[in-house]
Amino acid sequence: MRPTTSIAQLSIAAFLLANAGGAAAQTLGVGVSGSTPNLGKVASAASGDTVFRITPSTGAITKQSGAGARVTTGTSRATVTVSCGNQNNCNTKQVNVRIGSGTWGGRGRQLSNFKVSMGTATQAVAPTGTDPINFRIGPIGKNSSKTFYVGADFPIAGDNSGSTTGSAYSAFYVWVAVAPGTPDGSVSGSGTAVANVFRSISLAKTSDLYFGRIVRPLSGTATVGLAASNGAKSYPAGVAWMNLPQPTRAGYTVTGEGGQTLSINIPSTFNMTGPSSSTLTVTTNNNLTATPTLSSILGNSGTYNFFVGGSFPISSTTQSGVYSGTFAVTVAYN
C-alpha cells in the first residue's frame, strides 16, 4: 500500500493591518503547506462515508468510522506559518487565528473537528469551536515567523455517492488578525487535504475446490493433484480418479478500482478432515500472475480472475469416506 507523491507548496498572503493604536502598520503573512494533510491511497466503503482523523501533534491518521480503509501508511499534517514584518509591535502584539472548512471535491467531503498543535508558535488562548475554530498565539517577533500544525476529520464518500474516484480534496482557510482584531479573511491563507480514492474492493468465490472421487492405491503412497492453471488431474498408476462428479478448481473474481495492483494471500496448505478425525493435508497451487492487476484504468471498475488447485498424498491405509476442509483467501490493494 503505497503513498501518493505530492509537491509541497507554500502560498503567502501578506497584508497591512493597523495596530490597536492606529499609528503604525503591522505586516502579517500566512502560509500553508501544500496538499496536506495527505491520506495517500484510500479504499472507500461500498456505501456511506469513512472518516479519517488527522492528529496535529504527530500527523497520525486513524479511521474513526465507516467501512473504508487507508491503503497508504505513514503520517501527514498541515503546517501553518505566520510571519510578521519590520514593525516593533510584532514583538508585543498577539495574533488571533481562525480556521474553517472550504470547498471539497471528488470523494472528499467537508473537513470538520479542526485541532491545532503548536510548533514554534506559543498558544496564548486555547481554541474554541470545531468548524471554525478560534484561538490566539503569542507575538510573532519582528521580521520573524512562527508555526503551528492543523489536523481535522476528513470524510471520504463511498461507492454509492456517485462521486468519481481518483483525486479527492477538501479545502480549509486560515485567517489571522492582530489582537484584539477579529480574523475576517483580509489576511488569509488556504490549505487542501487530499487523497487518492479507489472504489471498494470485493472478492467473490465462483467455484469451490472439489476433488471428486478418488480410489486409493492398493499399496504404498501416491500424490494426487488438481492444477489451478487448467483443472488438469495428476495421479500415478495404481490410483483411480473418477470422472464423475467432475473435479473443479476454486475460482475467484476480484472487483475494484481499474488498473490497480493487488496483494492476494492464499494459504500454502490446509487440512481436510475425514472419518474418525483422519486428515489429509492439501498443498495449494494457483495461477496468479506475477503482479495481479485489475483490468481497465483508474476511474473505472476493473476485475481480476484467478484459480486455486491443490494436491495431497493418499495411501493404501487412508480411511475411506468423505473429507472436507476450508481455507481463506484475502485480497487488498497494494
Protein backbone atom coordinates (compact mmCIF):
# COMPACT_ATOMS: atom_id res chain seq x y z
CA MET A 1 0.00 0.00 0.00
CA ARG A 2 1.96 2.92 -1.30
CA PRO A 3 1.62 6.66 -0.68
CA THR A 4 0.96 9.12 -3.44
CA THR A 5 3.56 11.81 -4.04
CA SER A 6 2.66 15.47 -3.69
CA ILE A 7 4.63 18.60 -4.46
CA ALA A 8 4.93 20.79 -1.38
CA GLN A 9 3.78 24.32 -1.93
CA LEU A 10 3.68 27.38 0.26
CA SER A 11 1.38 30.25 -0.51
CA ILE A 12 1.85 33.51 1.39
CA ALA A 13 -0.78 36.19 1.66
CA ALA A 14 0.53 39.38 3.20
CA PHE A 15 -1.46 42.49 4.04
CA LEU A 16 -1.16 45.59 6.17
CA LEU A 17 -3.15 45.71 9.36
CA ALA A 18 -3.46 48.79 11.52
CA ASN A 19 -2.42 48.15 15.10
CA ALA A 20 -4.72 48.92 18.01
CA GLY A 21 -3.42 52.46 18.32
CA GLY A 22 -3.75 53.13 14.58
CA ALA A 23 -0.38 54.91 14.49
CA ALA A 24 1.64 52.23 12.70
CA ALA A 25 1.08 49.34 10.34
CA GLN A 26 1.94 45.74 11.09
CA THR A 27 2.53 43.29 8.24
CA LEU A 28 1.27 39.74 8.75
CA GLY A 29 1.59 36.83 6.34
CA VAL A 30 0.06 33.35 6.33
CA GLY A 31 1.47 30.30 4.56
CA VAL A 32 0.03 26.78 4.48
CA SER A 33 1.92 23.71 3.34
CA GLY A 34 0.57 22.45 0.03
CA SER A 35 -1.56 19.30 -0.40
CA THR A 36 -1.53 18.39 3.28
CA PRO A 37 -2.81 16.50 5.13
CA ASN A 38 -2.41 13.77 2.50
CA LEU A 39 -4.21 10.48 3.18
CA GLY A 40 -2.48 8.84 0.21
CA LYS A 41 -4.38 5.88 -1.24
CA VAL A 42 -7.77 5.17 0.32
CA ALA A 43 -10.20 2.34 -0.46
CA SER A 44 -13.66 3.78 0.05
CA ALA A 45 -16.60 1.90 1.51
CA ALA A 46 -19.26 0.33 -0.70
CA SER A 47 -21.73 2.72 0.94
CA GLY A 48 -21.51 5.63 3.34
CA ASP A 49 -18.65 7.87 4.41
CA THR A 50 -15.44 6.72 6.03
CA VAL A 51 -14.00 9.33 8.39
CA PHE A 52 -10.25 9.65 8.92
CA ARG A 53 -8.84 11.75 11.77
CA ILE A 54 -5.57 13.64 11.41
CA THR A 55 -3.84 14.29 14.75
CA PRO A 56 -2.00 17.62 14.53
CA SER A 57 0.62 16.89 17.19
CA THR A 58 2.02 13.83 15.38
CA GLY A 59 0.34 13.66 11.97
CA ALA A 60 -1.03 10.21 12.83
CA ILE A 61 -4.05 9.25 10.73
CA THR A 62 -6.69 6.92 12.19
CA LYS A 63 -10.06 5.71 10.99
CA GLN A 64 -12.94 6.91 13.16
CA SER A 65 -15.90 5.34 11.39
CA GLY A 66 -17.02 3.69 8.17
CA ALA A 67 -16.13 0.56 6.21
CA GLY A 68 -13.38 2.03 4.04
CA ALA A 69 -9.67 1.66 4.72
CA ARG A 70 -6.50 3.61 4.20
CA VAL A 71 -4.14 1.76 1.87
CA THR A 72 -1.18 4.06 2.44
CA THR A 73 0.64 4.13 5.76
CA GLY A 74 2.52 7.00 7.36
CA THR A 75 1.74 10.39 8.83
CA SER A 76 0.71 13.72 7.38
CA ARG A 77 -0.42 17.08 8.74
CA ALA A 78 -0.71 20.68 7.56
CA THR A 79 1.87 23.23 8.68
CA VAL A 80 0.84 26.87 9.01
CA THR A 81 3.47 29.62 9.08
CA VAL A 82 2.51 33.07 10.34
CA SER A 83 5.04 35.83 9.67
CA CYS A 84 5.38 39.44 10.85
CA GLY A 85 7.18 42.35 9.22
CA ASN A 86 9.58 45.05 10.26
CA GLN A 87 7.42 46.71 12.94
CA ASN A 88 8.31 46.88 16.61
CA ASN A 89 4.85 45.81 17.72
CA CYS A 90 5.48 42.43 16.03
CA ASN A 91 7.39 41.80 19.27
CA THR A 92 4.43 42.63 21.53
CA LYS A 93 1.12 42.06 19.76
CA GLN A 94 -0.60 38.69 19.94
CA VAL A 95 -2.35 37.27 16.86
CA ASN A 96 -5.90 35.94 16.64
CA VAL A 97 -6.40 32.95 14.34
CA ARG A 98 -9.49 31.41 12.76
CA ILE A 99 -9.53 28.10 10.83
CA GLY A 100 -12.54 26.71 8.98
CA SER A 101 -13.62 24.45 6.14
CA GLY A 102 -13.84 25.36 2.47
CA THR A 103 -14.86 23.61 -0.74
CA TRP A 104 -14.41 19.92 -1.47
CA GLY A 105 -14.48 17.62 -4.48
CA GLY A 106 -14.10 14.09 -5.81
CA ARG A 107 -14.96 11.72 -2.98
CA GLY A 108 -13.59 14.16 -0.43
CA ARG A 109 -16.14 15.69 1.90
CA GLN A 110 -16.17 18.73 4.19
CA LEU A 111 -13.48 18.86 6.86
CA SER A 112 -14.63 19.19 10.46
CA ASN A 113 -13.43 18.95 14.04
CA PHE A 114 -10.34 21.09 13.49
CA LYS A 115 -7.50 20.75 16.00
CA VAL A 116 -4.15 22.53 16.28
CA SER A 117 -0.81 21.83 17.87
CA MET A 118 1.91 24.42 18.35
CA GLY A 119 5.22 24.23 16.52
CA THR A 120 7.39 27.28 17.18
CA ALA A 121 4.30 29.38 17.96
CA THR A 122 3.11 29.84 21.54
CA GLN A 123 -0.55 29.33 22.31
CA ALA A 124 -1.93 32.33 24.20
CA VAL A 125 -5.65 31.46 24.20
CA ALA A 126 -6.95 27.90 23.73
CA PRO A 127 -9.12 27.06 20.70
CA THR A 128 -12.89 27.29 20.86
CA GLY A 129 -15.35 25.72 18.42
CA THR A 130 -14.82 22.92 15.91
CA ASP A 131 -15.52 24.49 12.48
CA PRO A 132 -14.41 27.17 12.54
CA ILE A 133 -12.05 27.20 15.49
CA ASN A 134 -10.72 30.43 17.03
CA PHE A 135 -7.57 30.78 19.15
CA ARG A 136 -4.69 33.14 19.81
CA ILE A 137 -0.95 32.79 19.52
CA GLY A 138 1.76 34.91 21.11
CA PRO A 139 3.73 37.65 19.35
CA ILE A 140 5.43 36.57 16.14
CA GLY A 141 8.52 38.75 16.53
CA LYS A 142 9.91 41.43 14.26
CA ASN A 143 10.97 40.06 10.85
CA SER A 144 10.18 36.60 12.12
CA SER A 145 7.70 33.75 11.73
CA LYS A 146 6.03 31.09 13.88
CA THR A 147 4.47 27.75 13.01
CA PHE A 148 1.66 25.52 14.18
CA TYR A 149 0.06 22.32 12.85
CA VAL A 150 -3.52 21.63 11.76
CA GLY A 151 -5.50 18.41 11.99
CA ALA A 152 -9.13 17.63 11.24
CA ASP A 153 -11.63 14.88 10.44
CA PHE A 154 -11.60 14.10 6.70
CA PRO A 155 -14.59 12.09 5.38
CA ILE A 156 -14.26 10.03 2.19
CA ALA A 157 -17.53 9.17 0.42
CA GLY A 158 -18.44 5.61 -0.54
CA ASP A 159 -19.25 3.99 -3.89
CA ASN A 160 -22.93 4.84 -3.52
CA SER A 161 -22.16 8.56 -3.51
CA GLY A 162 -21.91 8.68 -7.29
CA SER A 163 -18.73 10.77 -7.00
CA THR A 164 -15.73 9.94 -9.14
CA THR A 165 -12.75 8.01 -7.81
CA GLY A 166 -9.18 9.25 -8.11
CA SER A 167 -8.16 12.66 -6.75
CA ALA A 168 -10.19 13.90 -3.78
CA TYR A 169 -9.76 17.10 -1.82
CA SER A 170 -11.21 19.24 0.94
CA ALA A 171 -10.01 22.80 1.44
CA PHE A 172 -9.68 24.91 4.58
CA TYR A 173 -8.81 28.53 5.30
CA VAL A 174 -6.57 30.17 7.90
CA TRP A 175 -7.36 33.79 8.80
CA VAL A 176 -5.26 35.92 11.14
CA ALA A 177 -5.58 39.38 12.70
CA VAL A 178 -3.57 41.40 15.20
CA ALA A 179 -5.27 41.05 18.59
CA PRO A 180 -7.79 42.23 19.57
CA GLY A 181 -8.93 42.34 15.92
CA THR A 182 -11.22 39.60 14.55
CA PRO A 183 -9.85 37.47 11.69
CA ASP A 184 -12.02 38.24 8.66
CA GLY A 185 -10.14 36.99 5.63
CA SER A 186 -8.23 40.17 4.90
CA VAL A 187 -5.06 38.31 5.90
CA SER A 188 -5.51 34.69 4.94
CA GLY A 189 -4.00 31.51 3.65
CA SER A 190 -5.59 28.30 2.39
CA GLY A 191 -4.75 24.63 2.58
CA THR A 192 -6.07 21.46 0.99
CA ALA A 193 -6.40 17.98 2.45
CA VAL A 194 -6.04 15.41 -0.34
CA ALA A 195 -6.43 11.69 -1.02
CA ASN A 196 -6.28 9.28 -3.94
CA VAL A 197 -9.52 7.32 -3.61
CA PHE A 198 -10.25 3.85 -5.01
CA ARG A 199 -13.66 2.22 -5.13
CA SER A 200 -14.23 -0.56 -2.60
CA ILE A 201 -12.57 -3.89 -3.29
CA SER A 202 -14.52 -7.17 -3.23
CA LEU A 203 -13.68 -10.84 -3.62
CA ALA A 204 -16.29 -13.30 -4.89
CA LYS A 205 -15.88 -17.09 -4.99
CA THR A 206 -17.12 -18.52 -8.29
CA SER A 207 -16.42 -22.21 -7.58
CA ASP A 208 -15.17 -24.45 -4.76
CA LEU A 209 -12.09 -26.64 -4.82
CA TYR A 210 -13.67 -30.05 -5.32
CA PHE A 211 -11.56 -33.18 -5.82
CA GLY A 212 -14.44 -35.54 -6.58
CA ARG A 213 -13.94 -39.28 -6.03
CA ILE A 214 -10.51 -40.91 -5.82
CA VAL A 215 -9.74 -44.61 -5.33
CA ARG A 216 -6.73 -45.15 -3.06
CA PRO A 217 -3.77 -47.27 -4.21
CA LEU A 218 -3.54 -50.95 -3.34
CA SER A 219 -0.15 -50.36 -1.73
CA GLY A 220 2.19 -47.55 -0.84
CA THR A 221 1.56 -43.82 -1.03
CA ALA A 222 0.83 -41.61 -4.02
CA THR A 223 0.25 -37.92 -4.54
CA VAL A 224 -2.75 -36.68 -6.50
CA GLY A 225 -3.29 -33.13 -7.68
CA LEU A 226 -5.61 -30.71 -9.46
CA ALA A 227 -3.90 -27.91 -11.40
CA ALA A 228 -5.09 -24.34 -10.90
CA SER A 229 -3.95 -23.36 -14.39
CA ASN A 230 -6.27 -25.65 -16.33
CA GLY A 231 -8.01 -28.01 -13.91
CA ALA A 232 -5.98 -30.99 -15.12
CA LYS A 233 -5.80 -34.01 -12.80
CA SER A 234 -2.47 -35.65 -11.98
CA TYR A 235 -2.22 -39.08 -10.40
CA PRO A 236 0.16 -42.05 -10.74
CA ALA A 237 -0.51 -45.60 -11.80
CA GLY A 238 -2.35 -47.53 -9.16
CA VAL A 239 -4.68 -44.66 -8.31
CA ALA A 240 -8.08 -44.26 -9.94
CA TRP A 241 -9.73 -40.82 -10.23
CA MET A 242 -13.38 -40.96 -11.19
CA ASN A 243 -14.70 -38.60 -13.88
CA LEU A 244 -17.98 -38.05 -12.08
CA PRO A 245 -18.66 -35.93 -10.19
CA GLN A 246 -16.39 -33.58 -12.15
CA PRO A 247 -13.48 -32.13 -10.09
CA THR A 248 -13.27 -28.32 -10.08
CA ARG A 249 -10.71 -25.68 -9.23
CA ALA A 250 -11.59 -22.97 -6.71
CA GLY A 251 -12.36 -19.85 -8.71
CA TYR A 252 -12.37 -16.20 -7.61
CA THR A 253 -13.18 -12.79 -9.08
CA VAL A 254 -11.80 -9.58 -7.59
CA THR A 255 -13.64 -6.34 -8.35
CA GLY A 256 -12.23 -2.89 -7.59
CA GLU A 257 -10.53 0.20 -8.99
CA GLY A 258 -9.30 -0.32 -12.54
CA GLY A 259 -5.57 -0.59 -13.16
CA GLN A 260 -4.59 -1.13 -9.53
CA THR A 261 -2.24 -3.88 -8.39
CA LEU A 262 -3.33 -6.37 -5.78
CA SER A 263 -1.94 -8.30 -2.85
CA ILE A 264 -3.60 -11.74 -2.75
CA ASN A 265 -2.99 -14.14 0.12
CA ILE A 266 -3.62 -17.87 -0.36
CA PRO A 267 -2.56 -20.36 2.35
CA SER A 268 0.16 -22.74 1.24
CA THR A 269 -1.55 -25.70 2.96
CA PHE A 270 -4.79 -26.59 4.71
CA ASN A 271 -6.31 -29.76 6.16
CA MET A 272 -9.32 -31.78 5.11
CA THR A 273 -10.87 -33.87 7.88
CA GLY A 274 -12.49 -37.25 7.25
CA PRO A 275 -13.78 -40.30 9.15
CA SER A 276 -12.60 -40.75 12.74
CA SER A 277 -10.88 -37.34 12.56
CA SER A 278 -8.40 -38.60 9.99
CA THR A 279 -6.85 -35.78 7.91
CA LEU A 280 -5.41 -35.10 4.51
CA THR A 281 -3.01 -32.14 4.16
CA VAL A 282 -3.60 -30.26 0.92
CA THR A 283 -0.79 -28.21 -0.65
CA THR A 284 -2.30 -25.44 -2.74
CA ASN A 285 -1.27 -24.14 -6.14
CA ASN A 286 -2.59 -21.13 -8.03
CA ASN A 287 -2.40 -19.33 -11.35
CA LEU A 288 -1.77 -15.81 -10.04
CA THR A 289 0.21 -13.59 -12.38
CA ALA A 290 3.49 -12.08 -11.19
CA THR A 291 1.75 -8.76 -10.47
CA PRO A 292 -2.01 -9.24 -10.13
CA THR A 293 -3.65 -6.15 -11.64
CA LEU A 294 -7.28 -5.20 -12.07
CA SER A 295 -8.43 -4.63 -15.63
CA SER A 296 -9.34 -1.18 -17.03
CA ILE A 297 -7.96 2.14 -15.70
CA LEU A 298 -8.25 4.48 -12.72
CA GLY A 299 -11.75 5.94 -12.63
CA ASN A 300 -13.39 2.74 -13.88
CA SER A 301 -14.28 -0.58 -12.32
CA GLY A 302 -11.88 -3.44 -13.02
CA THR A 303 -11.78 -7.19 -12.41
CA TYR A 304 -9.17 -9.90 -11.89
CA ASN A 305 -9.85 -13.65 -12.04
CA PHE A 306 -7.75 -16.48 -10.64
CA PHE A 307 -7.98 -20.12 -9.60
CA VAL A 308 -6.64 -22.30 -6.78
CA GLY A 309 -5.90 -26.01 -7.07
CA GLY A 310 -4.29 -28.48 -4.71
CA SER A 311 -2.50 -31.77 -4.17
CA PHE A 312 -2.29 -34.27 -1.33
CA PRO A 313 -0.83 -37.70 -0.54
CA ILE A 314 -3.11 -40.72 -0.36
CA SER A 315 -2.05 -44.23 0.75
CA SER A 316 -3.40 -47.73 0.88
CA THR A 317 -4.25 -47.16 4.55
CA THR A 318 -6.10 -43.84 4.09
CA GLN A 319 -9.55 -44.29 5.57
CA SER A 320 -12.40 -44.36 3.10
CA GLY A 321 -15.02 -41.67 3.37
CA VAL A 322 -15.74 -38.01 2.73
CA TYR A 323 -13.04 -35.43 3.53
CA SER A 324 -13.68 -31.70 3.71
CA GLY A 325 -11.97 -28.53 4.86
CA THR A 326 -11.87 -24.80 4.37
CA PHE A 327 -9.23 -22.20 3.54
CA ALA A 328 -9.37 -18.41 3.49
CA VAL A 329 -8.28 -16.21 0.58
CA THR A 330 -7.84 -12.48 1.13
CA VAL A 331 -7.17 -9.57 -1.22
CA ALA A 332 -6.09 -5.94 -0.74
CA TYR A 333 -4.82 -3.05 -2.81
CA ASN A 334 -1.05 -2.62 -2.95
